[in-house]
Amino acid sequence: MSSGCVLVTGGAGFVGSHSVIELINAGYSVVVVDNFINANHETMMRIEEVCGTTITNYSIDLTDKSALQDLFSKHKFTSVIHTAGLKVIGESCDVPLLYYRVNVCGTINLIEVMKEHNVKNLIFSSSAAVYGSPEYLPLDEKHRTGRGIKPYGKTKQCMEELFKDLSKAEQGWNIIILRYFNVAGAHQSGKIGDSTQGPPAYLIAYCAQVAAGKRSEVVIYGNDFDTHDGTGVRDYVHVVDLAFAHVLAQRKLEKECGLRIYNIGSGQCYSVLDMINAMSQSSGKQVKYRIADRRPEDIGSFYCKPDLALEELGWKATKGLKEMCEDLWRWQSRNTDSSPIR
């Protein structure tokens, strides 16, 4: 059994919920906070069902600093896993102020309250979006960040820079930054998946909704990239693999690691057509698509070198494209209503 109580922000969300399950399975005591705007309370009940235990959770928005202070007064946390935040890149271009308020101001509130209560162990959910347009591939952690990135990526980069400055200025902080690549799949039970309201943030989830009749088609922007089939290729990682990375990062924190940054991706490349064909096979339904012109900002290839996570955390992706699609389809087919989304 592991000691200490871990606070998971955004613990009812896609990554957060799977991370909670893996932490509990590893013996950690977990408390969840979520504002339940892009998640729902049923997710918490399902996590409890999967884990066979009751999980303390609170409906708190990180922009409410007084609520955070009350929370930290009630519990003695040893570390925080911060997965809460807004994550849709396209949406961030339309409402950048909202993204900065939630992702930056909310995180600063959290860090200030952690400092007040002498909790200085943090795992931060960052994103491969901080890299922007790649100068070389595969992307390693030394690749520069901030080149041509959207507001969402800028909020993540902003917090990464804050954590670097904080760790230099103040002793005692142990901060692990996990740069997620494209998250896919769902829990193998079919009970936990991405229940985010609105358009999916990831291509594979969009494919599943088309297969389920929730959406009419997938739009492929460009089929003339320098890739094996002309469509863009990306690095996908199963959400359960990603969640287990948080367990290994938590163990690393306990050894007083200072500031560390890791790519969390498979290092494997799959194209848009690869994803469509794989989801069609897993669902037994043809995922319809149409080709459109590529957009000016679109990148042909984007994938990581995950070696550092293997070397220092002992982490690597274990689940492939077939498992991602099968697990996601199990979730999608069991958790859908009859109304289409257009």
Foldseek 3Di string as FASTA:
>chain_A
DDDFEEEEEVLQAFLNVLLVLLCVVVPHQYEYEYLCPFGHPVSQVLSCVVSVHHHHYDNDQLLPLVVVLVVCVVDPGQEYEYPDADDAQVVCQVPVVVRCSRLPNSVVSNVVSCVVNVRAEYEYEAAPLQLAAFPDPDDFPPRHGDDPGGSNSVSRVVVVVVLVVVLVPDPDHHYEYEHEWAEFFFDQVLRGHGSGPDDDRHLLLVLLLLQVQQDVAAEFAFQCFPDPRSGAKTFYFYSNLVSVLVVLVVVVVVVVPRYYYFYATQQDIDGSVNSQVLLCVLSVGRHHYDYDHHDPRDDRYYHHDGVVCCVRRVGHGDDDSNNRNNRSNSNSVVDDDDHHHD
